[in-house]
Each structure stands twice: as structure tokens, then as C-alpha cells.
N, C-alpha and C. Protein backbone atom coordinates (compact mmCIF):
# COMPACT_ATOMS: atom_id res chain seq x y z
N MET A 1 0.84 -1.17 0.00
CA MET A 1 0.00 0.00 0.00
C MET A 1 0.89 1.24 0.00
N ILE A 2 0.54 2.20 -0.83
CA ILE A 2 1.32 3.43 -0.95
C ILE A 2 0.79 4.46 0.04
N ASP A 3 1.72 5.11 0.75
CA ASP A 3 1.36 6.19 1.67
C ASP A 3 1.39 7.50 0.89
N TRP A 4 0.22 7.98 0.50
CA TRP A 4 0.13 9.19 -0.32
C TRP A 4 0.25 10.46 0.51
N SER A 5 0.25 10.37 1.82
CA SER A 5 0.26 11.57 2.65
C SER A 5 1.51 12.42 2.46
N SER A 6 2.59 11.82 1.98
CA SER A 6 3.82 12.58 1.77
C SER A 6 4.02 13.02 0.33
N CYS A 7 3.02 12.83 -0.52
CA CYS A 7 3.11 13.26 -1.92
C CYS A 7 2.40 14.61 -2.06
N PRO A 8 3.14 15.68 -2.36
CA PRO A 8 2.54 17.00 -2.42
C PRO A 8 1.55 17.21 -3.57
N SER A 9 1.51 16.31 -4.52
CA SER A 9 0.59 16.45 -5.65
C SER A 9 -0.75 15.76 -5.42
N VAL A 10 -0.91 15.16 -4.23
CA VAL A 10 -2.12 14.40 -3.92
C VAL A 10 -2.78 14.95 -2.66
N GLU A 11 -4.10 15.02 -2.71
CA GLU A 11 -4.85 15.42 -1.52
C GLU A 11 -6.07 14.53 -1.38
N ARG A 12 -6.63 14.58 -0.18
CA ARG A 12 -7.81 13.76 0.12
C ARG A 12 -8.72 14.56 1.03
N ASP A 13 -10.00 14.60 0.66
CA ASP A 13 -11.01 15.31 1.44
C ASP A 13 -12.25 14.42 1.44
N ALA A 14 -12.69 14.05 2.62
CA ALA A 14 -13.84 13.15 2.73
C ALA A 14 -15.09 13.73 2.08
N GLU A 15 -15.12 15.05 1.90
CA GLU A 15 -16.29 15.71 1.31
C GLU A 15 -16.24 15.76 -0.22
N ARG A 16 -15.11 15.42 -0.81
CA ARG A 16 -14.98 15.47 -2.27
C ARG A 16 -14.67 14.11 -2.84
N VAL A 17 -15.30 13.78 -3.92
CA VAL A 17 -15.07 12.53 -4.66
C VAL A 17 -15.06 11.33 -3.72
N SER A 18 -15.99 11.32 -2.81
CA SER A 18 -16.16 10.22 -1.85
C SER A 18 -14.89 9.91 -1.07
N GLY A 19 -14.05 10.92 -0.87
CA GLY A 19 -12.84 10.71 -0.09
C GLY A 19 -11.69 10.08 -0.85
N ALA A 20 -11.85 9.94 -2.17
CA ALA A 20 -10.76 9.37 -2.98
C ALA A 20 -9.57 10.32 -3.01
N ARG A 21 -8.40 9.77 -3.18
CA ARG A 21 -7.20 10.60 -3.34
C ARG A 21 -7.25 11.20 -4.74
N VAL A 22 -7.08 12.52 -4.80
CA VAL A 22 -7.17 13.24 -6.06
C VAL A 22 -5.91 14.09 -6.26
N PHE A 23 -5.69 14.51 -7.50
CA PHE A 23 -4.62 15.46 -7.77
C PHE A 23 -4.99 16.77 -7.11
N CYS A 24 -4.03 17.42 -6.45
CA CYS A 24 -4.28 18.67 -5.73
C CYS A 24 -4.97 19.69 -6.63
N GLY A 25 -5.99 20.32 -6.06
CA GLY A 25 -6.71 21.37 -6.77
C GLY A 25 -7.68 20.87 -7.82
N THR A 26 -7.91 19.55 -7.86
CA THR A 26 -8.81 18.97 -8.87
C THR A 26 -9.78 18.00 -8.21
N ARG A 27 -10.64 17.46 -9.03
CA ARG A 27 -11.51 16.36 -8.61
C ARG A 27 -11.13 15.09 -9.38
N ILE A 28 -9.92 15.08 -9.94
CA ILE A 28 -9.45 13.94 -10.74
C ILE A 28 -8.78 12.92 -9.82
N PRO A 29 -9.35 11.73 -9.69
CA PRO A 29 -8.74 10.71 -8.84
C PRO A 29 -7.37 10.28 -9.36
N VAL A 30 -6.45 10.08 -8.46
CA VAL A 30 -5.12 9.57 -8.80
C VAL A 30 -5.25 8.22 -9.50
N ALA A 31 -6.22 7.44 -9.08
CA ALA A 31 -6.43 6.12 -9.68
C ALA A 31 -6.69 6.22 -11.18
N ALA A 32 -7.25 7.34 -11.65
CA ALA A 32 -7.51 7.50 -13.09
C ALA A 32 -6.21 7.47 -13.89
N LEU A 33 -5.14 8.04 -13.33
CA LEU A 33 -3.85 8.01 -14.02
C LEU A 33 -3.38 6.58 -14.19
N PHE A 34 -3.42 5.80 -13.12
CA PHE A 34 -2.95 4.42 -13.19
C PHE A 34 -3.83 3.56 -14.09
N GLN A 35 -5.13 3.80 -14.07
CA GLN A 35 -6.03 3.05 -14.95
C GLN A 35 -5.72 3.34 -16.41
N ASN A 36 -5.46 4.61 -16.72
CA ASN A 36 -5.13 4.97 -18.10
C ASN A 36 -3.79 4.40 -18.51
N LEU A 37 -2.80 4.44 -17.62
CA LEU A 37 -1.50 3.85 -17.95
C LEU A 37 -1.62 2.35 -18.21
N GLU A 38 -2.45 1.68 -17.43
CA GLU A 38 -2.68 0.24 -17.65
C GLU A 38 -3.27 -0.01 -19.03
N ASP A 39 -4.03 0.97 -19.53
CA ASP A 39 -4.63 0.85 -20.86
C ASP A 39 -3.73 1.41 -21.95
N ASP A 40 -2.44 1.59 -21.63
CA ASP A 40 -1.42 2.08 -22.57
C ASP A 40 -1.65 3.50 -23.05
N VAL A 41 -2.32 4.30 -22.24
CA VAL A 41 -2.49 5.72 -22.56
C VAL A 41 -1.24 6.46 -22.07
N PRO A 42 -0.55 7.17 -22.96
CA PRO A 42 0.63 7.90 -22.52
C PRO A 42 0.25 9.09 -21.63
N VAL A 43 1.19 9.52 -20.81
CA VAL A 43 0.93 10.60 -19.86
C VAL A 43 0.49 11.87 -20.59
N HIS A 44 1.11 12.19 -21.73
CA HIS A 44 0.72 13.41 -22.44
C HIS A 44 -0.75 13.36 -22.86
N GLN A 45 -1.25 12.18 -23.22
CA GLN A 45 -2.66 12.06 -23.58
C GLN A 45 -3.55 12.22 -22.34
N PHE A 46 -3.12 11.63 -21.22
CA PHE A 46 -3.88 11.76 -19.98
C PHE A 46 -4.06 13.22 -19.60
N VAL A 47 -2.98 14.02 -19.65
CA VAL A 47 -3.10 15.43 -19.25
C VAL A 47 -3.88 16.24 -20.29
N GLU A 48 -3.95 15.77 -21.53
CA GLU A 48 -4.83 16.42 -22.51
C GLU A 48 -6.29 16.14 -22.17
N TRP A 49 -6.58 14.92 -21.78
CA TRP A 49 -7.94 14.54 -21.43
C TRP A 49 -8.38 15.15 -20.10
N PHE A 50 -7.43 15.34 -19.20
CA PHE A 50 -7.70 15.90 -17.87
C PHE A 50 -6.82 17.14 -17.68
N PRO A 51 -7.16 18.25 -18.33
CA PRO A 51 -6.27 19.43 -18.32
C PRO A 51 -6.07 20.07 -16.96
N ALA A 52 -6.88 19.72 -15.98
CA ALA A 52 -6.66 20.24 -14.63
C ALA A 52 -5.42 19.62 -13.99
N VAL A 53 -4.97 18.50 -14.52
CA VAL A 53 -3.77 17.81 -14.02
C VAL A 53 -2.59 18.25 -14.87
N THR A 54 -1.51 18.65 -14.22
CA THR A 54 -0.31 19.06 -14.95
C THR A 54 0.62 17.87 -15.14
N VAL A 55 1.52 18.01 -16.09
CA VAL A 55 2.52 16.97 -16.31
C VAL A 55 3.36 16.80 -15.05
N GLU A 56 3.69 17.91 -14.40
CA GLU A 56 4.49 17.83 -13.17
C GLU A 56 3.77 17.04 -12.09
N GLN A 57 2.46 17.24 -11.96
CA GLN A 57 1.69 16.47 -10.97
C GLN A 57 1.70 14.99 -11.31
N ALA A 58 1.47 14.68 -12.57
CA ALA A 58 1.44 13.26 -12.98
C ALA A 58 2.80 12.61 -12.73
N LYS A 59 3.87 13.30 -13.10
CA LYS A 59 5.22 12.75 -12.88
C LYS A 59 5.49 12.59 -11.39
N ALA A 60 5.08 13.57 -10.57
CA ALA A 60 5.31 13.48 -9.13
C ALA A 60 4.58 12.27 -8.54
N VAL A 61 3.37 12.02 -8.99
CA VAL A 61 2.60 10.86 -8.51
C VAL A 61 3.29 9.57 -8.92
N LEU A 62 3.74 9.49 -10.17
CA LEU A 62 4.42 8.28 -10.63
C LEU A 62 5.73 8.06 -9.90
N GLU A 63 6.47 9.12 -9.69
CA GLU A 63 7.74 9.00 -8.96
C GLU A 63 7.50 8.60 -7.51
N HIS A 64 6.46 9.15 -6.90
CA HIS A 64 6.14 8.77 -5.52
C HIS A 64 5.77 7.29 -5.46
N ALA A 65 4.97 6.85 -6.41
CA ALA A 65 4.59 5.43 -6.46
C ALA A 65 5.81 4.55 -6.67
N ALA A 66 6.72 5.01 -7.51
CA ALA A 66 7.93 4.23 -7.77
C ALA A 66 8.77 4.08 -6.51
N ARG A 67 8.91 5.16 -5.77
CA ARG A 67 9.70 5.10 -4.53
C ARG A 67 9.03 4.21 -3.49
N SER A 68 7.71 4.13 -3.55
CA SER A 68 6.96 3.37 -2.55
C SER A 68 6.73 1.91 -2.94
N ALA A 69 7.02 1.59 -4.18
CA ALA A 69 6.67 0.26 -4.70
C ALA A 69 7.50 -0.85 -4.08
N HIS A 70 6.85 -1.96 -3.85
CA HIS A 70 7.55 -3.13 -3.33
C HIS A 70 8.32 -3.84 -4.44
N ALA A 71 7.93 -3.64 -5.69
CA ALA A 71 8.57 -4.32 -6.81
C ALA A 71 9.94 -3.74 -7.13
N GLY A 72 10.27 -2.63 -6.52
CA GLY A 72 11.56 -2.00 -6.78
C GLY A 72 11.39 -0.78 -7.64
N PRO A 73 11.95 0.32 -7.21
CA PRO A 73 11.75 1.57 -7.93
C PRO A 73 12.31 1.56 -9.35
N GLU A 74 13.33 0.78 -9.62
CA GLU A 74 13.90 0.77 -10.97
C GLU A 74 12.86 0.35 -11.99
N THR A 75 12.03 -0.63 -11.65
CA THR A 75 11.00 -1.11 -12.56
C THR A 75 10.03 0.01 -12.89
N PHE A 76 9.53 0.69 -11.87
CA PHE A 76 8.57 1.75 -12.09
C PHE A 76 9.21 2.96 -12.76
N LEU A 77 10.44 3.27 -12.40
CA LEU A 77 11.11 4.41 -13.02
C LEU A 77 11.30 4.18 -14.52
N SER A 78 11.59 2.96 -14.92
CA SER A 78 11.73 2.69 -16.35
C SER A 78 10.39 2.84 -17.07
N ILE A 79 9.30 2.47 -16.41
CA ILE A 79 7.97 2.66 -16.99
C ILE A 79 7.67 4.15 -17.11
N ILE A 80 7.97 4.91 -16.06
CA ILE A 80 7.74 6.35 -16.08
C ILE A 80 8.52 6.98 -17.23
N GLU A 81 9.77 6.62 -17.35
CA GLU A 81 10.60 7.19 -18.41
C GLU A 81 10.03 6.87 -19.79
N SER A 82 9.57 5.66 -19.98
CA SER A 82 9.04 5.29 -21.30
C SER A 82 7.73 5.99 -21.59
N LYS A 83 6.92 6.23 -20.57
CA LYS A 83 5.61 6.87 -20.76
C LYS A 83 5.71 8.38 -20.85
N THR A 84 6.79 8.98 -20.33
CA THR A 84 6.90 10.44 -20.32
C THR A 84 8.03 10.95 -21.20
N ARG A 85 8.74 10.08 -21.85
CA ARG A 85 9.89 10.47 -22.69
C ARG A 85 9.44 11.49 -23.73
N GLY A 86 10.17 12.59 -23.82
CA GLY A 86 9.91 13.59 -24.85
C GLY A 86 8.82 14.58 -24.52
N LEU A 87 8.30 14.55 -23.29
CA LEU A 87 7.25 15.49 -22.94
C LEU A 87 7.83 16.83 -22.53
N GLY A 88 7.18 17.89 -22.97
CA GLY A 88 7.51 19.22 -22.49
C GLY A 88 6.77 19.48 -21.21
N SER A 89 6.97 20.64 -20.60
CA SER A 89 6.33 20.93 -19.32
C SER A 89 4.83 21.10 -19.44
N ASN A 90 4.32 21.34 -20.67
CA ASN A 90 2.88 21.49 -20.84
C ASN A 90 2.19 20.18 -21.19
N GLY A 91 2.96 19.10 -21.24
CA GLY A 91 2.38 17.79 -21.52
C GLY A 91 2.40 17.42 -22.99
N ALA A 92 2.74 18.40 -23.85
CA ALA A 92 2.81 18.10 -25.27
C ALA A 92 4.14 17.43 -25.57
N GLU A 93 4.16 16.67 -26.63
CA GLU A 93 5.41 16.04 -27.01
C GLU A 93 6.39 17.13 -27.44
N ALA A 94 7.61 16.98 -27.04
CA ALA A 94 8.64 17.96 -27.38
C ALA A 94 8.71 18.11 -28.89
N GLY A 95 8.76 19.35 -29.36
CA GLY A 95 8.82 19.62 -30.77
C GLY A 95 7.46 19.67 -31.45
N ALA A 96 6.40 19.28 -30.75
CA ALA A 96 5.08 19.31 -31.33
C ALA A 96 4.51 20.72 -31.27
N ASP A 97 3.71 21.05 -32.27
CA ASP A 97 3.05 22.35 -32.27
C ASP A 97 1.91 22.29 -31.27
N PRO A 98 1.92 23.13 -30.20
CA PRO A 98 0.89 23.06 -29.18
C PRO A 98 -0.50 23.39 -29.70
N GLN A 99 -0.58 24.08 -30.86
CA GLN A 99 -1.87 24.42 -31.44
C GLN A 99 -2.36 23.33 -32.39
N GLY A 100 -1.50 22.36 -32.66
CA GLY A 100 -1.88 21.26 -33.52
C GLY A 100 -1.82 21.59 -35.00
N ALA A 101 -1.20 22.72 -35.36
CA ALA A 101 -1.10 23.09 -36.76
C ALA A 101 -0.07 22.23 -37.47
N ALA A 102 -0.29 22.01 -38.74
CA ALA A 102 0.63 21.19 -39.51
C ALA A 102 1.76 22.01 -40.07
């Protein structure tokens, strides 16, 4: 079990989202990130779908999970690197036009 109390990108309020752990300042459950990653959704796509979540928040959550994992942080860190490789700070792929113009 991961102790989220020391992750600054996660908060929990019994009055919001049934007390689920959410990204700070949002109503987006942290579990949504992991569910999307399990479905092979890259982090940049997740933050496009959930714009209230920043790339920095998503990375902080993944890094916190990696440090807390029983399977060994190297395993999770390699997954994080593969899922976030080439992302800019806004979640777009590096070198991509943020407006989507060709």
C-alpha cells in the first residue's frame, strides 16, 4: 500500500469525490492516471484529457509510487521514463506544435 500523505501532488477530502485521493486542486482521482497507464495511454494524452492535471503532478505521482513500490523503484522508473519520454512541461510532445497546426 502506498502512503500518499507525503506526496505534495495528492490530496484527500472526505467531502470530495467520496474521499478518494485526487490530484491537488482537482476532482481527478489519482487512480484514473494508473487506470489509463494500464490501458497504454501515454501521460501526455492523460493530461490532454484531464487538463486540470499538470505533467508535473502526474510525474510526481508516478515518482512517488515508484519510490513506494515493493517491486523495486527501478522497474517503475523505467515505466515512467518510457511513458513520459519527450514530454515538455505542458504535456505536449517535445517539438510538437501546441496548437496542432501542420
